[in-house]
Amino acid sequence: METTAAIETLALERLNVSAERLRAATTFEEAGIDSLAAIDLVFAIEAHFGILIEADDLLGVHSLGDLIAVVDARVNGGAPA
């Protein structure tokens, strides 16, 4: 859960959207987040957690919940499913 809270905080700081618009199941598109903003968030997450998120890991990421799952896997030493 610590990973989720950190990512939600980073997302709110970086993406300039309200918490109401940015829920785990909401797609980035539905929240009005463009690809450049999403990549900026990924860079911030990598720096925060000291991890590298591969481009292939992001292919199935369409929502904050998807991104949290990828980061959880990386933080816990595995590859995303």
PDB file of N, CA and C in Angstrom:
ATOM      1  N   MET A   1       0.818  -1.202   0.000  1.00  0.00           N
ATOM      2  CA  MET A   1       0.000   0.000   0.000  1.00  0.00           C
ATOM      3  C   MET A   1       0.860   1.264   0.000  1.00  0.00           C
ATOM      4  N   GLU A   2       2.071   1.163   0.536  1.00  0.00           N
ATOM      5  CA  GLU A   2       2.967   2.308   0.555  1.00  0.00           C
ATOM      6  C   GLU A   2       3.299   2.768  -0.871  1.00  0.00           C
ATOM      7  N   THR A   3       3.482   1.816  -1.763  1.00  0.00           N
ATOM      8  CA  THR A   3       3.758   2.129  -3.161  1.00  0.00           C
ATOM      9  C   THR A   3       2.592   2.893  -3.770  1.00  0.00           C
ATOM     10  N   THR A   4       1.392   2.430  -3.508  1.00  0.00           N
ATOM     11  CA  THR A   4       0.200   3.078  -4.059  1.00  0.00           C
ATOM     12  C   THR A   4       0.091   4.521  -3.598  1.00  0.00           C
ATOM     13  N   ALA A   5       0.268   4.756  -2.314  1.00  0.00           N
ATOM     14  CA  ALA A   5       0.161   6.120  -1.775  1.00  0.00           C
ATOM     15  C   ALA A   5       1.214   7.036  -2.389  1.00  0.00           C
ATOM     16  N   ALA A   6       2.440   6.541  -2.533  1.00  0.00           N
ATOM     17  CA  ALA A   6       3.509   7.359  -3.111  1.00  0.00           C
ATOM     18  C   ALA A   6       3.213   7.699  -4.571  1.00  0.00           C
ATOM     19  N   ILE A   7       2.730   6.728  -5.323  1.00  0.00           N
ATOM     20  CA  ILE A   7       2.422   6.970  -6.731  1.00  0.00           C
ATOM     21  C   ILE A   7       1.247   7.928  -6.872  1.00  0.00           C
ATOM     22  N   GLU A   8       0.237   7.767  -6.047  1.00  0.00           N
ATOM     23  CA  GLU A   8      -0.906   8.686  -6.092  1.00  0.00           C
ATOM     24  C   GLU A   8      -0.461  10.111  -5.790  1.00  0.00           C
ATOM     25  N   THR A   9       0.424  10.283  -4.812  1.00  0.00           N
ATOM     26  CA  THR A   9       0.935  11.619  -4.471  1.00  0.00           C
ATOM     27  C   THR A   9       1.730  12.198  -5.632  1.00  0.00           C
ATOM     28  N   LEU A  10       2.623  11.405  -6.205  1.00  0.00           N
ATOM     29  CA  LEU A  10       3.404  11.866  -7.356  1.00  0.00           C
ATOM     30  C   LEU A  10       2.490  12.229  -8.519  1.00  0.00           C
ATOM     31  N   ALA A  11       1.476  11.412  -8.752  1.00  0.00           N
ATOM     32  CA  ALA A  11       0.553  11.666  -9.860  1.00  0.00           C
ATOM     33  C   ALA A  11      -0.192  12.980  -9.665  1.00  0.00           C
ATOM     34  N   LEU A  12      -0.666  13.208  -8.474  1.00  0.00           N
ATOM     35  CA  LEU A  12      -1.398  14.449  -8.210  1.00  0.00           C
ATOM     36  C   LEU A  12      -0.486  15.666  -8.359  1.00  0.00           C
ATOM     37  N   GLU A  13       0.771  15.528  -7.952  1.00  0.00           N
ATOM     38  CA  GLU A  13       1.727  16.634  -8.083  1.00  0.00           C
ATOM     39  C   GLU A  13       2.104  16.893  -9.534  1.00  0.00           C
ATOM     40  N   ARG A  14       2.291  15.841 -10.316  1.00  0.00           N
ATOM     41  CA  ARG A  14       2.818  15.971 -11.676  1.00  0.00           C
ATOM     42  C   ARG A  14       1.767  16.188 -12.751  1.00  0.00           C
ATOM     43  N   LEU A  15       0.583  15.636 -12.548  1.00  0.00           N
ATOM     44  CA  LEU A  15      -0.391  15.589 -13.642  1.00  0.00           C
ATOM     45  C   LEU A  15      -1.407  16.717 -13.647  1.00  0.00           C
ATOM     46  N   ASN A  16      -1.442  17.494 -12.593  1.00  0.00           N
ATOM     47  CA  ASN A  16      -2.350  18.635 -12.539  1.00  0.00           C
ATOM     48  C   ASN A  16      -3.812  18.237 -12.762  1.00  0.00           C
ATOM     49  N   VAL A  17      -4.208  17.159 -12.096  1.00  0.00           N
ATOM     50  CA  VAL A  17      -5.606  16.730 -12.103  1.00  0.00           C
ATOM     51  C   VAL A  17      -6.045  16.523 -10.661  1.00  0.00           C
ATOM     52  N   SER A  18      -7.329  16.612 -10.438  1.00  0.00           N
ATOM     53  CA  SER A  18      -7.855  16.441  -9.088  1.00  0.00           C
ATOM     54  C   SER A  18      -7.904  14.958  -8.721  1.00  0.00           C
ATOM     55  N   ALA A  19      -7.908  14.707  -7.437  1.00  0.00           N
ATOM     56  CA  ALA A  19      -7.996  13.330  -6.946  1.00  0.00           C
ATOM     57  C   ALA A  19      -9.283  12.671  -7.418  1.00  0.00           C
ATOM     58  N   GLU A  20     -10.335  13.451  -7.571  1.00  0.00           N
ATOM     59  CA  GLU A  20     -11.613  12.910  -8.027  1.00  0.00           C
ATOM     60  C   GLU A  20     -11.524  12.393  -9.464  1.00  0.00           C
ATOM     61  N   ARG A  21     -10.701  13.044 -10.279  1.00  0.00           N
ATOM     62  CA  ARG A  21     -10.558  12.630 -11.681  1.00  0.00           C
ATOM     63  C   ARG A  21      -9.537  11.520 -11.857  1.00  0.00           C
ATOM     64  N   LEU A  22      -8.680  11.327 -10.865  1.00  0.00           N
ATOM     65  CA  LEU A  22      -7.602  10.354 -11.007  1.00  0.00           C
ATOM     66  C   LEU A  22      -7.807   9.201 -10.027  1.00  0.00           C
ATOM     67  N   ARG A  23      -8.541   8.225 -10.473  1.00  0.00           N
ATOM     68  CA  ARG A  23      -8.782   7.016  -9.684  1.00  0.00           C
ATOM     69  C   ARG A  23      -8.052   5.861 -10.358  1.00  0.00           C
ATOM     70  N   ALA A  24      -7.808   4.800  -9.608  1.00  0.00           N
ATOM     71  CA  ALA A  24      -7.027   3.676 -10.129  1.00  0.00           C
ATOM     72  C   ALA A  24      -7.607   3.102 -11.421  1.00  0.00           C
ATOM     73  N   ALA A  25      -8.923   3.034 -11.531  1.00  0.00           N
ATOM     74  CA  ALA A  25      -9.551   2.418 -12.700  1.00  0.00           C
ATOM     75  C   ALA A  25      -9.767   3.388 -13.859  1.00  0.00           C
ATOM     76  N   THR A  26      -9.614   4.671 -13.626  1.00  0.00           N
ATOM     77  CA  THR A  26      -9.810   5.662 -14.674  1.00  0.00           C
ATOM     78  C   THR A  26      -8.625   5.635 -15.625  1.00  0.00           C
ATOM     79  N   THR A  27      -8.894   5.553 -16.911  1.00  0.00           N
ATOM     80  CA  THR A  27      -7.789   5.565 -17.868  1.00  0.00           C
ATOM     81  C   THR A  27      -7.175   6.962 -17.905  1.00  0.00           C
ATOM     82  N   PHE A  28      -5.927   7.011 -18.324  1.00  0.00           N
ATOM     83  CA  PHE A  28      -5.270   8.309 -18.454  1.00  0.00           C
ATOM     84  C   PHE A  28      -6.035   9.184 -19.445  1.00  0.00           C
ATOM     85  N   GLU A  29      -6.532   8.576 -20.499  1.00  0.00           N
ATOM     86  CA  GLU A  29      -7.302   9.319 -21.503  1.00  0.00           C
ATOM     87  C   GLU A  29      -8.561   9.931 -20.889  1.00  0.00           C
ATOM     88  N   GLU A  30      -9.290   9.144 -20.102  1.00  0.00           N
ATOM     89  CA  GLU A  30     -10.501   9.645 -19.447  1.00  0.00           C
ATOM     90  C   GLU A  30     -10.198  10.795 -18.493  1.00  0.00           C
ATOM     91  N   ALA A  31      -9.011  10.764 -17.879  1.00  0.00           N
ATOM     92  CA  ALA A  31      -8.615  11.813 -16.942  1.00  0.00           C
ATOM     93  C   ALA A  31      -8.022  13.024 -17.655  1.00  0.00           C
ATOM     94  N   GLY A  32      -7.871  12.926 -18.986  1.00  0.00           N
ATOM     95  CA  GLY A  32      -7.334  14.038 -19.753  1.00  0.00           C
ATOM     96  C   GLY A  32      -5.822  14.154 -19.681  1.00  0.00           C
ATOM     97  N   ILE A  33      -5.149  13.036 -19.425  1.00  0.00           N
ATOM     98  CA  ILE A  33      -3.688  13.030 -19.291  1.00  0.00           C
ATOM     99  C   ILE A  33      -3.076  12.578 -20.610  1.00  0.00           C
ATOM    100  N   ASP A  34      -2.214  13.418 -21.177  1.00  0.00           N
ATOM    101  CA  ASP A  34      -1.595  13.050 -22.443  1.00  0.00           C
ATOM    102  C   ASP A  34      -0.342  12.208 -22.211  1.00  0.00           C
ATOM    103  N   SER A  35       0.205  11.691 -23.294  1.00  0.00           N
ATOM    104  CA  SER A  35       1.334  10.765 -23.192  1.00  0.00           C
ATOM    105  C   SER A  35       2.582  11.426 -22.608  1.00  0.00           C
ATOM    106  N   LEU A  36       2.813  12.691 -22.910  1.00  0.00           N
ATOM    107  CA  LEU A  36       3.996  13.373 -22.363  1.00  0.00           C
ATOM    108  C   LEU A  36       3.886  13.529 -20.846  1.00  0.00           C
ATOM    109  N   ALA A  37       2.715  13.845 -20.366  1.00  0.00           N
ATOM    110  CA  ALA A  37       2.511  13.961 -18.924  1.00  0.00           C
ATOM    111  C   ALA A  37       2.671  12.601 -18.256  1.00  0.00           C
ATOM    112  N   ALA A  38       2.181  11.551 -18.901  1.00  0.00           N
ATOM    113  CA  ALA A  38       2.315  10.205 -18.344  1.00  0.00           C
ATOM    114  C   ALA A  38       3.782   9.793 -18.267  1.00  0.00           C
ATOM    115  N   ILE A  39       4.565  10.124 -19.292  1.00  0.00           N
ATOM    116  CA  ILE A  39       5.997   9.795 -19.276  1.00  0.00           C
ATOM    117  C   ILE A  39       6.711  10.597 -18.191  1.00  0.00           C
ATOM    118  N   ASP A  40       6.345  11.846 -18.008  1.00  0.00           N
ATOM    119  CA  ASP A  40       6.914  12.650 -16.929  1.00  0.00           C
ATOM    120  C   ASP A  40       6.646  11.981 -15.581  1.00  0.00           C
ATOM    121  N   LEU A  41       5.446  11.443 -15.411  1.00  0.00           N
ATOM    122  CA  LEU A  41       5.107  10.737 -14.181  1.00  0.00           C
ATOM    123  C   LEU A  41       5.977   9.491 -14.023  1.00  0.00           C
ATOM    124  N   VAL A  42       6.176   8.754 -15.093  1.00  0.00           N
ATOM    125  CA  VAL A  42       7.020   7.557 -15.033  1.00  0.00           C
ATOM    126  C   VAL A  42       8.438   7.928 -14.606  1.00  0.00           C
ATOM    127  N   PHE A  43       8.990   8.998 -15.160  1.00  0.00           N
ATOM    128  CA  PHE A  43      10.337   9.437 -14.766  1.00  0.00           C
ATOM    129  C   PHE A  43      10.389   9.791 -13.281  1.00  0.00           C
ATOM    130  N   ALA A  44       9.363  10.471 -12.797  1.00  0.00           N
ATOM    131  CA  ALA A  44       9.311  10.837 -11.375  1.00  0.00           C
ATOM    132  C   ALA A  44       9.221   9.593 -10.498  1.00  0.00           C
ATOM    133  N   ILE A  45       8.453   8.614 -10.937  1.00  0.00           N
ATOM    134  CA  ILE A  45       8.326   7.361 -10.190  1.00  0.00           C
ATOM    135  C   ILE A  45       9.654   6.617 -10.164  1.00  0.00           C
ATOM    136  N   GLU A  46      10.322   6.554 -11.313  1.00  0.00           N
ATOM    137  CA  GLU A  46      11.637   5.894 -11.365  1.00  0.00           C
ATOM    138  C   GLU A  46      12.610   6.546 -10.392  1.00  0.00           C
ATOM    139  N   ALA A  47      12.641   7.861 -10.373  1.00  0.00           N
ATOM    140  CA  ALA A  47      13.547   8.581  -9.476  1.00  0.00           C
ATOM    141  C   ALA A  47      13.174   8.345  -8.013  1.00  0.00           C
ATOM    142  N   HIS A  48      11.890   8.379  -7.716  1.00  0.00           N
ATOM    143  CA  HIS A  48      11.427   8.217  -6.347  1.00  0.00           C
ATOM    144  C   HIS A  48      11.780   6.833  -5.787  1.00  0.00           C
ATOM    145  N   PHE A  49      11.555   5.796  -6.579  1.00  0.00           N
ATOM    146  CA  PHE A  49      11.763   4.428  -6.113  1.00  0.00           C
ATOM    147  C   PHE A  49      13.137   3.863  -6.458  1.00  0.00           C
ATOM    148  N   GLY A  50      13.908   4.576  -7.291  1.00  0.00           N
ATOM    149  CA  GLY A  50      15.224   4.081  -7.689  1.00  0.00           C
ATOM    150  C   GLY A  50      15.124   2.832  -8.554  1.00  0.00           C
ATOM    151  N   ILE A  51      14.147   2.818  -9.445  1.00  0.00           N
ATOM    152  CA  ILE A  51      13.937   1.669 -10.327  1.00  0.00           C
ATOM    153  C   ILE A  51      13.974   2.120 -11.776  1.00  0.00           C
ATOM    154  N   LEU A  52      14.054   1.152 -12.668  1.00  0.00           N
ATOM    155  CA  LEU A  52      13.953   1.421 -14.101  1.00  0.00           C
ATOM    156  C   LEU A  52      12.712   0.705 -14.616  1.00  0.00           C
ATOM    157  N   ILE A  53      11.850   1.435 -15.250  1.00  0.00           N
ATOM    158  CA  ILE A  53      10.650   0.852 -15.855  1.00  0.00           C
ATOM    159  C   ILE A  53      10.908   0.776 -17.353  1.00  0.00           C
ATOM    160  N   GLU A  54      10.930  -0.432 -17.865  1.00  0.00           N
ATOM    161  CA  GLU A  54      11.205  -0.653 -19.285  1.00  0.00           C
ATOM    162  C   GLU A  54      10.007  -0.201 -20.129  1.00  0.00           C
ATOM    163  N   ALA A  55      10.291   0.216 -21.338  1.00  0.00           N
ATOM    164  CA  ALA A  55       9.222   0.637 -22.252  1.00  0.00           C
ATOM    165  C   ALA A  55       8.214  -0.491 -22.474  1.00  0.00           C
ATOM    166  N   ASP A  56       8.694  -1.730 -22.565  1.00  0.00           N
ATOM    167  CA  ASP A  56       7.796  -2.873 -22.751  1.00  0.00           C
ATOM    168  C   ASP A  56       6.826  -3.028 -21.589  1.00  0.00           C
ATOM    169  N   ASP A  57       7.273  -2.637 -20.379  1.00  0.00           N
ATOM    170  CA  ASP A  57       6.408  -2.727 -19.204  1.00  0.00           C
ATOM    171  C   ASP A  57       5.193  -1.805 -19.322  1.00  0.00           C
ATOM    172  N   LEU A  58       5.340  -0.755 -20.110  1.00  0.00           N
ATOM    173  CA  LEU A  58       4.298   0.267 -20.199  1.00  0.00           C
ATOM    174  C   LEU A  58       3.281   0.008 -21.309  1.00  0.00           C
ATOM    175  N   LEU A  59       3.512  -1.022 -22.109  1.00  0.00           N
ATOM    176  CA  LEU A  59       2.625  -1.270 -23.250  1.00  0.00           C
ATOM    177  C   LEU A  59       1.176  -1.521 -22.834  1.00  0.00           C
ATOM    178  N   GLY A  60       0.955  -2.177 -21.728  1.00  0.00           N
ATOM    179  CA  GLY A  60      -0.403  -2.460 -21.290  1.00  0.00           C
ATOM    180  C   GLY A  60      -0.921  -1.504 -20.235  1.00  0.00           C
ATOM    181  N   VAL A  61      -0.197  -0.414 -20.015  1.00  0.00           N
ATOM    182  CA  VAL A  61      -0.587   0.543 -18.975  1.00  0.00           C
ATOM    183  C   VAL A  61      -1.527   1.584 -19.566  1.00  0.00           C
ATOM    184  N   HIS A  62      -2.752   1.594 -19.041  1.00  0.00           N
ATOM    185  CA  HIS A  62      -3.749   2.548 -19.523  1.00  0.00           C
ATOM    186  C   HIS A  62      -4.358   3.371 -18.392  1.00  0.00           C
ATOM    187  N   SER A  63      -4.033   2.985 -17.150  1.00  0.00           N
ATOM    188  CA  SER A  63      -4.628   3.664 -15.993  1.00  0.00           C
ATOM    189  C   SER A  63      -3.602   3.748 -14.870  1.00  0.00           C
ATOM    190  N   LEU A  64      -3.931   4.531 -13.872  1.00  0.00           N
ATOM    191  CA  LEU A  64      -3.054   4.633 -12.710  1.00  0.00           C
ATOM    192  C   LEU A  64      -2.925   3.274 -12.026  1.00  0.00           C
ATOM    193  N   GLY A  65      -4.000   2.518 -11.974  1.00  0.00           N
ATOM    194  CA  GLY A  65      -3.957   1.185 -11.378  1.00  0.00           C
ATOM    195  C   GLY A  65      -2.997   0.265 -12.114  1.00  0.00           C
ATOM    196  N   ASP A  66      -2.997   0.332 -13.443  1.00  0.00           N
ATOM    197  CA  ASP A  66      -2.050  -0.459 -14.245  1.00  0.00           C
ATOM    198  C   ASP A  66      -0.616  -0.066 -13.913  1.00  0.00           C
ATOM    199  N   LEU A  67      -0.374   1.237 -13.817  1.00  0.00           N
ATOM    200  CA  LEU A  67       0.966   1.728 -13.524  1.00  0.00           C
ATOM    201  C   LEU A  67       1.406   1.301 -12.122  1.00  0.00           C
ATOM    202  N   ILE A  68       0.506   1.351 -11.174  1.00  0.00           N
ATOM    203  CA  ILE A  68       0.817   0.916  -9.807  1.00  0.00           C
ATOM    204  C   ILE A  68       1.225  -0.556  -9.812  1.00  0.00           C
ATOM    205  N   ALA A  69       0.537  -1.386 -10.573  1.00  0.00           N
ATOM    206  CA  ALA A  69       0.875  -2.812 -10.644  1.00  0.00           C
ATOM    207  C   ALA A  69       2.280  -3.025 -11.203  1.00  0.00           C
ATOM    208  N   VAL A  70       2.645  -2.266 -12.226  1.00  0.00           N
ATOM    209  CA  VAL A  70       3.988  -2.360 -12.809  1.00  0.00           C
ATOM    210  C   VAL A  70       5.041  -1.956 -11.785  1.00  0.00           C
ATOM    211  N   VAL A  71       4.808  -0.852 -11.113  1.00  0.00           N
ATOM    212  CA  VAL A  71       5.777  -0.361 -10.139  1.00  0.00           C
ATOM    213  C   VAL A  71       5.881  -1.326  -8.959  1.00  0.00           C
ATOM    214  N   ASP A  72       4.762  -1.843  -8.484  1.00  0.00           N
ATOM    215  CA  ASP A  72       4.793  -2.829  -7.397  1.00  0.00           C
ATOM    216  C   ASP A  72       5.684  -4.017  -7.761  1.00  0.00           C
ATOM    217  N   ALA A  73       5.537  -4.497  -8.984  1.00  0.00           N
ATOM    218  CA  ALA A  73       6.347  -5.633  -9.425  1.00  0.00           C
ATOM    219  C   ALA A  73       7.829  -5.272  -9.430  1.00  0.00           C
ATOM    220  N   ARG A  74       8.170  -4.100  -9.929  1.00  0.00           N
ATOM    221  CA  ARG A  74       9.566  -3.662  -9.997  1.00  0.00           C
ATOM    222  C   ARG A  74      10.143  -3.441  -8.586  1.00  0.00           C
ATOM    223  N   VAL A  75       9.384  -2.801  -7.745  1.00  0.00           N
ATOM    224  CA  VAL A  75       9.848  -2.506  -6.381  1.00  0.00           C
ATOM    225  C   VAL A  75      10.085  -3.805  -5.610  1.00  0.00           C
ATOM    226  N   ASN A  76       9.265  -4.805  -5.886  1.00  0.00           N
ATOM    227  CA  ASN A  76       9.388  -6.085  -5.190  1.00  0.00           C
ATOM    228  C   ASN A  76      10.328  -7.053  -5.891  1.00  0.00           C
ATOM    229  N   GLY A  77      11.106  -6.539  -6.853  1.00  0.00           N
ATOM    230  CA  GLY A  77      12.152  -7.318  -7.479  1.00  0.00           C
ATOM    231  C   GLY A  77      11.744  -8.205  -8.636  1.00  0.00           C
ATOM    232  N   GLY A  78      10.533  -8.084  -9.079  1.00  0.00           N
ATOM    233  CA  GLY A  78      10.090  -8.928 -10.190  1.00  0.00           C
ATOM    234  C   GLY A  78       9.809  -8.145 -11.434  1.00  0.00           C
ATOM    235  N   ALA A  79       9.416  -8.862 -12.437  1.00  0.00           N
ATOM    236  CA  ALA A  79       8.989  -8.234 -13.680  1.00  0.00           C
ATOM    237  C   ALA A  79       7.474  -8.156 -13.663  1.00  0.00           C
ATOM    238  N   PRO A  80       6.917  -7.122 -14.231  1.00  0.00           N
ATOM    239  CA  PRO A  80       5.460  -6.995 -14.296  1.00  0.00           C
ATOM    240  C   PRO A  80       4.836  -8.178 -15.024  1.00  0.00           C
ATOM    241  N   ALA A  81       3.635  -8.532 -14.616  1.00  0.00           N
ATOM    242  CA  ALA A  81       2.927  -9.665 -15.246  1.00  0.00           C
ATOM    243  C   ALA A  81       2.365  -9.278 -16.580  1.00  0.00           C
TER     244      ALA A  81
END
